[in-house]
């Protein structure tokens, strides 16, 4: 579990890995941020 969280945090910080962070997350806020980043 801790390694997964470290991986998720690392992926959230890079635009290329953000989609994978969304898959690892159960938070709707992260999904919204990713969709907004894709639209920009």
PDB file of N, CA and C in Angstrom:
ATOM      1  N   UNK A   1       0.816  -1.204   0.000  1.00  0.00           N
ATOM      2  CA  UNK A   1       0.000   0.000   0.000  1.00  0.00           C
ATOM      3  C   UNK A   1       0.859   1.267   0.000  1.00  0.00           C
ATOM      4  N   UNK A   2       1.861   1.397   0.863  1.00  0.00           N
ATOM      5  CA  UNK A   2       2.665   2.633   0.832  1.00  0.00           C
ATOM      6  C   UNK A   2       3.382   2.845  -0.498  1.00  0.00           C
ATOM      7  N   UNK A   3       3.867   1.768  -1.119  1.00  0.00           N
ATOM      8  CA  UNK A   3       4.540   1.925  -2.407  1.00  0.00           C
ATOM      9  C   UNK A   3       3.572   2.394  -3.482  1.00  0.00           C
ATOM     10  N   UNK A   4       2.343   1.938  -3.420  1.00  0.00           N
ATOM     11  CA  UNK A   4       1.329   2.375  -4.378  1.00  0.00           C
ATOM     12  C   UNK A   4       1.058   3.865  -4.215  1.00  0.00           C
ATOM     13  N   UNK A   5       0.995   4.332  -2.985  1.00  0.00           N
ATOM     14  CA  UNK A   5       0.750   5.755  -2.748  1.00  0.00           C
ATOM     15  C   UNK A   5       1.920   6.602  -3.250  1.00  0.00           C
ATOM     16  N   UNK A   6       3.143   6.126  -3.050  1.00  0.00           N
ATOM     17  CA  UNK A   6       4.313   6.850  -3.547  1.00  0.00           C
ATOM     18  C   UNK A   6       4.268   6.920  -5.071  1.00  0.00           C
ATOM     19  N   UNK A   7       3.945   5.809  -5.699  1.00  0.00           N
ATOM     20  CA  UNK A   7       3.825   5.772  -7.153  1.00  0.00           C
ATOM     21  C   UNK A   7       2.745   6.729  -7.640  1.00  0.00           C
ATOM     22  N   UNK A   8       1.601   6.734  -6.979  1.00  0.00           N
ATOM     23  CA  UNK A   8       0.485   7.601  -7.357  1.00  0.00           C
ATOM     24  C   UNK A   8       0.879   9.075  -7.252  1.00  0.00           C
ATOM     25  N   UNK A   9       1.555   9.440  -6.182  1.00  0.00           N
ATOM     26  CA  UNK A   9       1.982  10.835  -6.003  1.00  0.00           C
ATOM     27  C   UNK A   9       2.972  11.233  -7.093  1.00  0.00           C
ATOM     28  N   UNK A  10       3.889  10.331  -7.422  1.00  0.00           N
ATOM     29  CA  UNK A  10       4.845  10.616  -8.483  1.00  0.00           C
ATOM     30  C   UNK A  10       4.179  10.786  -9.830  1.00  0.00           C
ATOM     31  N   UNK A  11       3.199   9.951 -10.109  1.00  0.00           N
ATOM     32  CA  UNK A  11       2.498  10.035 -11.392  1.00  0.00           C
ATOM     33  C   UNK A  11       1.639  11.287 -11.496  1.00  0.00           C
ATOM     34  N   UNK A  12       1.073  11.728 -10.381  1.00  0.00           N
ATOM     35  CA  UNK A  12       0.246  12.938 -10.396  1.00  0.00           C
ATOM     36  C   UNK A  12       1.057  14.167 -10.782  1.00  0.00           C
ATOM     37  N   UNK A  13       2.343  14.146 -10.496  1.00  0.00           N
ATOM     38  CA  UNK A  13       3.159  15.333 -10.746  1.00  0.00           C
ATOM     39  C   UNK A  13       3.600  15.467 -12.201  1.00  0.00           C
ATOM     40  N   UNK A  14       3.453  14.412 -12.995  1.00  0.00           N
ATOM     41  CA  UNK A  14       3.857  14.510 -14.394  1.00  0.00           C
ATOM     42  C   UNK A  14       2.636  14.403 -15.313  1.00  0.00           C
ATOM     43  N   UNK A  15       2.568  15.236 -16.329  1.00  0.00           N
ATOM     44  CA  UNK A  15       1.416  15.192 -17.252  1.00  0.00           C
ATOM     45  C   UNK A  15       1.282  13.849 -17.977  1.00  0.00           C
ATOM     46  N   UNK A  16       2.417  13.212 -18.279  1.00  0.00           N
ATOM     47  CA  UNK A  16       2.368  11.939 -18.993  1.00  0.00           C
ATOM     48  C   UNK A  16       1.816  10.809 -18.132  1.00  0.00           C
ATOM     49  N   UNK A  17       2.014  10.896 -16.833  1.00  0.00           N
ATOM     50  CA  UNK A  17       1.580   9.819 -15.950  1.00  0.00           C
ATOM     51  C   UNK A  17       0.285  10.087 -15.226  1.00  0.00           C
ATOM     52  N   UNK A  18      -0.287  11.245 -15.460  1.00  0.00           N
ATOM     53  CA  UNK A  18      -1.491  11.621 -14.715  1.00  0.00           C
ATOM     54  C   UNK A  18      -2.659  10.674 -14.982  1.00  0.00           C
ATOM     55  N   UNK A  19      -2.764  10.152 -16.193  1.00  0.00           N
ATOM     56  CA  UNK A  19      -3.860   9.236 -16.514  1.00  0.00           C
ATOM     57  C   UNK A  19      -3.769   7.963 -15.683  1.00  0.00           C
ATOM     58  N   UNK A  20      -2.550   7.511 -15.425  1.00  0.00           N
ATOM     59  CA  UNK A  20      -2.385   6.310 -14.617  1.00  0.00           C
ATOM     60  C   UNK A  20      -2.687   6.607 -13.154  1.00  0.00           C
ATOM     61  N   UNK A  21      -2.357   7.807 -12.701  1.00  0.00           N
ATOM     62  CA  UNK A  21      -2.684   8.207 -11.337  1.00  0.00           C
ATOM     63  C   UNK A  21      -4.191   8.235 -11.140  1.00  0.00           C
ATOM     64  N   UNK A  22      -4.918   8.632 -12.177  1.00  0.00           N
ATOM     65  CA  UNK A  22      -6.384   8.635 -12.106  1.00  0.00           C
ATOM     66  C   UNK A  22      -6.904   7.217 -11.931  1.00  0.00           C
ATOM     67  N   UNK A  23      -6.299   6.278 -12.633  1.00  0.00           N
ATOM     68  CA  UNK A  23      -6.736   4.888 -12.518  1.00  0.00           C
ATOM     69  C   UNK A  23      -6.450   4.321 -11.127  1.00  0.00           C
ATOM     70  N   UNK A  24      -5.385   4.797 -10.483  1.00  0.00           N
ATOM     71  CA  UNK A  24      -5.036   4.320  -9.146  1.00  0.00           C
ATOM     72  C   UNK A  24      -5.824   5.036  -8.053  1.00  0.00           C
ATOM     73  N   UNK A  25      -6.486   6.106  -8.415  1.00  0.00           N
ATOM     74  CA  UNK A  25      -7.171   6.934  -7.436  1.00  0.00           C
ATOM     75  C   UNK A  25      -8.658   6.637  -7.387  1.00  0.00           C
ATOM     76  N   UNK A  26      -9.249   6.938  -6.241  1.00  0.00           N
ATOM     77  CA  UNK A  26     -10.695   6.852  -6.125  1.00  0.00           C
ATOM     78  C   UNK A  26     -11.298   8.241  -5.913  1.00  0.00           C
ATOM     79  N   UNK A  27     -10.490   9.260  -6.150  1.00  0.00           N
ATOM     80  CA  UNK A  27     -10.928  10.632  -5.934  1.00  0.00           C
ATOM     81  C   UNK A  27     -11.466  11.240  -7.218  1.00  0.00           C
ATOM     82  N   UNK A  28     -12.618  11.834  -7.142  1.00  0.00           N
ATOM     83  CA  UNK A  28     -13.237  12.479  -8.304  1.00  0.00           C
ATOM     84  C   UNK A  28     -12.501  13.767  -8.640  1.00  0.00           C
ATOM     85  N   UNK A  29     -11.952  14.443  -7.644  1.00  0.00           N
ATOM     86  CA  UNK A  29     -11.263  15.708  -7.868  1.00  0.00           C
ATOM     87  C   UNK A  29     -10.077  15.528  -8.815  1.00  0.00           C
ATOM     88  N   UNK A  30      -9.333  14.448  -8.668  1.00  0.00           N
ATOM     89  CA  UNK A  30      -8.196  14.190  -9.543  1.00  0.00           C
ATOM     90  C   UNK A  30      -8.655  13.954 -10.978  1.00  0.00           C
ATOM     91  N   UNK A  31      -9.767  13.279 -11.147  1.00  0.00           N
ATOM     92  CA  UNK A  31     -10.323  13.050 -12.479  1.00  0.00           C
ATOM     93  C   UNK A  31     -10.703  14.380 -13.107  1.00  0.00           C
ATOM     94  N   UNK A  32     -11.325  15.271 -12.347  1.00  0.00           N
ATOM     95  CA  UNK A  32     -11.706  16.586 -12.858  1.00  0.00           C
ATOM     96  C   UNK A  32     -10.482  17.392 -13.288  1.00  0.00           C
ATOM     97  N   UNK A  33      -9.419  17.345 -12.495  1.00  0.00           N
ATOM     98  CA  UNK A  33      -8.201  18.076 -12.828  1.00  0.00           C
ATOM     99  C   UNK A  33      -7.583  17.538 -14.109  1.00  0.00           C
ATOM    100  N   UNK A  34      -7.608  16.239 -14.281  1.00  0.00           N
ATOM    101  CA  UNK A  34      -7.044  15.623 -15.476  1.00  0.00           C
ATOM    102  C   UNK A  34      -7.847  16.003 -16.710  1.00  0.00           C
ATOM    103  N   UNK A  35      -9.161  15.957 -16.616  1.00  0.00           N
ATOM    104  CA  UNK A  35     -10.001  16.361 -17.742  1.00  0.00           C
ATOM    105  C   UNK A  35      -9.771  17.806 -18.106  1.00  0.00           C
ATOM    106  N   UNK A  36      -9.619  18.659 -17.106  1.00  0.00           N
ATOM    107  CA  UNK A  36      -9.396  20.071 -17.367  1.00  0.00           C
ATOM    108  C   UNK A  36      -8.021  20.274 -18.024  1.00  0.00           C
ATOM    109  N   UNK A  37      -7.010  19.536 -17.596  1.00  0.00           N
ATOM    110  CA  UNK A  37      -5.679  19.649 -18.191  1.00  0.00           C
ATOM    111  C   UNK A  37      -5.692  19.199 -19.649  1.00  0.00           C
ATOM    112  N   UNK A  38      -6.491  18.201 -19.961  1.00  0.00           N
ATOM    113  CA  UNK A  38      -6.580  17.729 -21.338  1.00  0.00           C
ATOM    114  C   UNK A  38      -7.259  18.746 -22.241  1.00  0.00           C
ATOM    115  N   UNK A  39      -8.179  19.525 -21.688  1.00  0.00           N
ATOM    116  CA  UNK A  39      -8.888  20.523 -22.475  1.00  0.00           C
ATOM    117  C   UNK A  39      -8.056  21.771 -22.727  1.00  0.00           C
ATOM    118  N   UNK A  40      -7.064  22.018 -21.873  1.00  0.00           N
ATOM    119  CA  UNK A  40      -6.225  23.227 -22.024  1.00  0.00           C
ATOM    120  C   UNK A  40      -5.247  23.119 -23.113  1.00  0.00           C
TER     121      UNK A  40
END
